[in-house]
Amino acid sequence: MARLNEEQIMGIKEHMCSDEKKLASLYRAKKKSYDECSVSFNEAEERKKQDWVEVVTLKTKVRMQRPKPVGVAFEDKIWGQSENPVGMLC
């Protein structure tokens, strides 16, 4: 088995996260079967051409959704099976 050098270990540790609020937010996003974003009206027109669907129209923004790609949805499903995602990569 190959060993990691100090530079590789530091590179891995840079991507680790222990902030519970950030992890909770990431967990909620990965739990959903769709991507969601809020954009301006101008950007909404461009996103509609990219298979985004308008969900809610607000005063200055539009909330849009689209189904996650199959590979991303599978990865998110596996990631979400962890009982305690604290310490996962962010």
N, C-alpha and C. Protein backbone atom coordinates (compact mmCIF):
# COMPACT_ATOMS: atom_id res chain seq x y z
N MET A 1 0.85 -1.16 0.00
CA MET A 1 0.00 0.00 0.00
C MET A 1 0.90 1.24 0.00
N ALA A 2 0.53 2.22 -0.82
CA ALA A 2 1.31 3.44 -0.91
C ALA A 2 1.05 4.33 0.30
N ARG A 3 2.05 5.06 0.68
CA ARG A 3 1.93 5.98 1.82
C ARG A 3 1.78 7.40 1.30
N LEU A 4 1.06 8.21 2.06
CA LEU A 4 0.90 9.61 1.72
C LEU A 4 2.04 10.42 2.30
N ASN A 5 2.53 11.38 1.53
CA ASN A 5 3.56 12.27 2.10
C ASN A 5 2.85 13.42 2.80
N GLU A 6 3.61 14.26 3.48
CA GLU A 6 3.04 15.35 4.28
C GLU A 6 2.25 16.34 3.42
N GLU A 7 2.73 16.60 2.21
CA GLU A 7 2.05 17.54 1.32
C GLU A 7 0.66 17.01 0.93
N GLN A 8 0.56 15.72 0.64
CA GLN A 8 -0.73 15.12 0.29
C GLN A 8 -1.68 15.13 1.49
N ILE A 9 -1.15 14.87 2.67
CA ILE A 9 -1.97 14.88 3.89
C ILE A 9 -2.51 16.28 4.14
N MET A 10 -1.68 17.30 3.98
CA MET A 10 -2.12 18.68 4.18
C MET A 10 -3.17 19.06 3.13
N GLY A 11 -3.01 18.58 1.90
CA GLY A 11 -3.99 18.85 0.85
C GLY A 11 -5.35 18.27 1.18
N ILE A 12 -5.36 17.08 1.76
CA ILE A 12 -6.61 16.44 2.16
C ILE A 12 -7.24 17.19 3.33
N LYS A 13 -6.44 17.56 4.31
CA LYS A 13 -6.96 18.26 5.48
C LYS A 13 -7.53 19.63 5.14
N GLU A 14 -7.02 20.27 4.09
CA GLU A 14 -7.55 21.57 3.68
C GLU A 14 -9.00 21.47 3.24
N HIS A 15 -9.40 20.32 2.72
CA HIS A 15 -10.76 20.12 2.22
C HIS A 15 -11.71 19.57 3.27
N MET A 16 -11.22 19.28 4.46
CA MET A 16 -12.06 18.77 5.53
C MET A 16 -12.78 19.93 6.20
N CYS A 17 -13.96 19.65 6.71
CA CYS A 17 -14.77 20.69 7.32
C CYS A 17 -15.41 20.15 8.59
N SER A 18 -15.45 20.97 9.63
CA SER A 18 -16.11 20.54 10.87
C SER A 18 -17.16 21.55 11.31
N ASP A 19 -17.44 22.56 10.49
CA ASP A 19 -18.45 23.56 10.80
C ASP A 19 -19.83 22.92 10.63
N GLU A 20 -20.55 22.73 11.74
CA GLU A 20 -21.82 22.00 11.70
C GLU A 20 -22.88 22.71 10.88
N LYS A 21 -22.89 24.04 10.87
CA LYS A 21 -23.88 24.77 10.07
C LYS A 21 -23.65 24.54 8.58
N LYS A 22 -22.39 24.60 8.17
CA LYS A 22 -22.07 24.38 6.77
C LYS A 22 -22.38 22.94 6.36
N LEU A 23 -22.05 21.99 7.23
CA LEU A 23 -22.34 20.59 6.94
C LEU A 23 -23.84 20.32 6.88
N ALA A 24 -24.61 20.96 7.77
CA ALA A 24 -26.07 20.79 7.75
C ALA A 24 -26.65 21.34 6.46
N SER A 25 -26.16 22.48 6.01
CA SER A 25 -26.61 23.08 4.76
C SER A 25 -26.28 22.17 3.58
N LEU A 26 -25.07 21.63 3.57
CA LEU A 26 -24.64 20.72 2.51
C LEU A 26 -25.48 19.45 2.53
N TYR A 27 -25.77 18.93 3.69
CA TYR A 27 -26.58 17.72 3.83
C TYR A 27 -27.99 17.94 3.27
N ARG A 28 -28.60 19.10 3.58
CA ARG A 28 -29.95 19.41 3.06
C ARG A 28 -29.93 19.49 1.54
N ALA A 29 -28.89 20.09 0.98
CA ALA A 29 -28.80 20.23 -0.47
C ALA A 29 -28.62 18.87 -1.14
N LYS A 30 -27.83 18.01 -0.53
CA LYS A 30 -27.59 16.69 -1.11
C LYS A 30 -28.78 15.76 -0.95
N LYS A 31 -29.64 16.03 0.02
CA LYS A 31 -30.82 15.20 0.27
C LYS A 31 -31.87 15.38 -0.83
N LYS A 32 -31.88 16.54 -1.48
CA LYS A 32 -32.88 16.84 -2.49
C LYS A 32 -32.55 16.13 -3.81
N SER A 33 -33.59 15.85 -4.59
CA SER A 33 -33.40 15.19 -5.88
C SER A 33 -33.25 16.20 -7.01
N TYR A 34 -33.14 17.47 -6.67
CA TYR A 34 -33.03 18.52 -7.68
C TYR A 34 -32.05 19.59 -7.22
N ASP A 35 -31.52 20.33 -8.20
CA ASP A 35 -30.70 21.51 -7.92
C ASP A 35 -31.64 22.70 -7.84
N GLU A 36 -31.32 23.66 -6.99
CA GLU A 36 -32.19 24.82 -6.81
C GLU A 36 -31.32 26.07 -6.71
N CYS A 37 -31.81 27.18 -7.29
CA CYS A 37 -31.08 28.44 -7.18
C CYS A 37 -32.04 29.61 -7.33
N SER A 38 -31.63 30.76 -6.82
CA SER A 38 -32.38 32.01 -6.99
C SER A 38 -31.55 32.91 -7.89
N VAL A 39 -32.18 33.41 -8.95
CA VAL A 39 -31.46 34.23 -9.93
C VAL A 39 -32.30 35.46 -10.30
N SER A 40 -31.66 36.41 -10.95
CA SER A 40 -32.38 37.60 -11.42
C SER A 40 -33.25 37.22 -12.62
N PHE A 41 -34.15 38.11 -12.99
CA PHE A 41 -35.05 37.85 -14.10
C PHE A 41 -34.28 37.64 -15.41
N ASN A 42 -33.23 38.43 -15.63
CA ASN A 42 -32.43 38.31 -16.85
C ASN A 42 -31.76 36.94 -16.95
N GLU A 43 -31.19 36.50 -15.84
CA GLU A 43 -30.51 35.20 -15.84
C GLU A 43 -31.51 34.05 -15.92
N ALA A 44 -32.72 34.27 -15.44
CA ALA A 44 -33.75 33.23 -15.49
C ALA A 44 -34.07 32.85 -16.92
N GLU A 45 -34.11 33.82 -17.81
CA GLU A 45 -34.40 33.53 -19.22
C GLU A 45 -33.32 32.64 -19.83
N GLU A 46 -32.06 32.90 -19.47
CA GLU A 46 -30.96 32.07 -19.97
C GLU A 46 -31.04 30.66 -19.40
N ARG A 47 -31.38 30.55 -18.13
CA ARG A 47 -31.43 29.23 -17.48
C ARG A 47 -32.60 28.38 -17.98
N LYS A 48 -33.67 29.03 -18.41
CA LYS A 48 -34.80 28.27 -18.95
C LYS A 48 -34.39 27.48 -20.19
N LYS A 49 -33.43 28.01 -20.92
CA LYS A 49 -32.91 27.32 -22.11
C LYS A 49 -32.05 26.12 -21.72
N GLN A 50 -31.61 26.06 -20.46
CA GLN A 50 -30.74 24.99 -19.96
C GLN A 50 -31.52 24.01 -19.09
N ASP A 51 -32.81 23.84 -19.33
CA ASP A 51 -33.67 22.87 -18.63
C ASP A 51 -33.99 23.24 -17.19
N TRP A 52 -33.83 24.49 -16.80
CA TRP A 52 -34.26 24.93 -15.48
C TRP A 52 -35.74 25.29 -15.55
N VAL A 53 -36.47 25.03 -14.48
CA VAL A 53 -37.90 25.32 -14.42
C VAL A 53 -38.14 26.37 -13.35
N GLU A 54 -38.98 27.34 -13.67
CA GLU A 54 -39.33 28.41 -12.74
C GLU A 54 -40.30 27.86 -11.69
N VAL A 55 -39.95 28.02 -10.42
CA VAL A 55 -40.79 27.49 -9.34
C VAL A 55 -41.56 28.63 -8.67
N VAL A 56 -40.86 29.67 -8.28
CA VAL A 56 -41.47 30.80 -7.60
C VAL A 56 -40.92 32.10 -8.18
N THR A 57 -41.80 33.03 -8.45
CA THR A 57 -41.38 34.36 -8.90
C THR A 57 -41.58 35.34 -7.76
N LEU A 58 -40.50 35.96 -7.35
CA LEU A 58 -40.54 36.94 -6.28
C LEU A 58 -40.45 38.35 -6.87
N LYS A 59 -40.31 39.33 -6.03
CA LYS A 59 -40.28 40.72 -6.49
C LYS A 59 -39.08 41.01 -7.38
N THR A 60 -37.90 40.55 -6.98
CA THR A 60 -36.69 40.85 -7.74
C THR A 60 -35.95 39.61 -8.21
N LYS A 61 -36.37 38.43 -7.79
CA LYS A 61 -35.67 37.20 -8.14
C LYS A 61 -36.65 36.11 -8.56
N VAL A 62 -36.09 35.06 -9.14
CA VAL A 62 -36.86 33.90 -9.54
C VAL A 62 -36.17 32.67 -8.95
N ARG A 63 -36.92 31.81 -8.28
CA ARG A 63 -36.37 30.56 -7.77
C ARG A 63 -36.59 29.49 -8.83
N MET A 64 -35.51 28.78 -9.18
CA MET A 64 -35.57 27.80 -10.25
C MET A 64 -35.05 26.45 -9.77
N GLN A 65 -35.50 25.39 -10.45
CA GLN A 65 -35.07 24.03 -10.13
C GLN A 65 -34.80 23.27 -11.42
N ARG A 66 -33.98 22.22 -11.28
CA ARG A 66 -33.79 21.25 -12.36
C ARG A 66 -33.40 19.92 -11.71
N PRO A 67 -33.73 18.82 -12.35
CA PRO A 67 -33.34 17.51 -11.78
C PRO A 67 -31.82 17.38 -11.79
N LYS A 68 -31.28 16.73 -10.78
CA LYS A 68 -29.83 16.51 -10.73
C LYS A 68 -29.46 15.47 -11.79
N PRO A 69 -28.26 15.59 -12.37
CA PRO A 69 -27.79 14.53 -13.28
C PRO A 69 -27.71 13.20 -12.52
N VAL A 70 -27.86 12.11 -13.23
CA VAL A 70 -27.94 10.78 -12.60
C VAL A 70 -26.71 10.49 -11.74
N GLY A 71 -25.51 10.78 -12.24
CA GLY A 71 -24.29 10.51 -11.48
C GLY A 71 -24.21 11.31 -10.19
N VAL A 72 -24.59 12.57 -10.26
CA VAL A 72 -24.57 13.44 -9.08
C VAL A 72 -25.62 12.98 -8.07
N ALA A 73 -26.81 12.63 -8.57
CA ALA A 73 -27.88 12.17 -7.68
C ALA A 73 -27.46 10.89 -6.95
N PHE A 74 -26.80 9.97 -7.65
CA PHE A 74 -26.33 8.73 -7.03
C PHE A 74 -25.28 9.02 -5.97
N GLU A 75 -24.33 9.88 -6.29
CA GLU A 75 -23.29 10.25 -5.32
C GLU A 75 -23.90 10.90 -4.08
N ASP A 76 -24.86 11.78 -4.28
CA ASP A 76 -25.51 12.45 -3.16
C ASP A 76 -26.31 11.46 -2.31
N LYS A 77 -26.92 10.48 -2.96
CA LYS A 77 -27.68 9.48 -2.21
C LYS A 77 -26.75 8.65 -1.33
N ILE A 78 -25.61 8.26 -1.86
CA ILE A 78 -24.63 7.49 -1.08
C ILE A 78 -24.08 8.35 0.05
N TRP A 79 -23.77 9.60 -0.23
CA TRP A 79 -23.23 10.52 0.78
C TRP A 79 -24.24 10.72 1.90
N GLY A 80 -25.52 10.79 1.56
CA GLY A 80 -26.56 11.04 2.54
C GLY A 80 -26.87 9.85 3.43
N GLN A 81 -26.35 8.67 3.10
CA GLN A 81 -26.61 7.49 3.91
C GLN A 81 -25.79 7.49 5.19
N SER A 82 -24.83 8.37 5.27
CA SER A 82 -24.03 8.48 6.49
C SER A 82 -24.92 9.03 7.60
N GLU A 83 -24.90 8.40 8.76
CA GLU A 83 -25.72 8.86 9.87
C GLU A 83 -25.23 10.18 10.43
N ASN A 84 -23.93 10.37 10.45
CA ASN A 84 -23.33 11.57 11.02
C ASN A 84 -22.34 12.14 10.01
N PRO A 85 -22.77 13.09 9.15
CA PRO A 85 -21.89 13.58 8.13
C PRO A 85 -20.82 14.56 8.61
N VAL A 86 -20.71 14.78 9.91
CA VAL A 86 -19.71 15.72 10.43
C VAL A 86 -18.31 15.19 10.09
N GLY A 87 -17.50 16.08 9.56
CA GLY A 87 -16.14 15.69 9.19
C GLY A 87 -16.01 15.25 7.75
N MET A 88 -17.13 15.21 7.00
CA MET A 88 -17.07 14.85 5.60
C MET A 88 -16.43 15.98 4.82
N LEU A 89 -16.05 15.70 3.60
CA LEU A 89 -15.46 16.74 2.76
C LEU A 89 -16.50 17.77 2.36
N CYS A 90 -16.11 19.02 2.35
CA CYS A 90 -17.02 20.11 1.97
C CYS A 90 -16.66 20.62 0.60
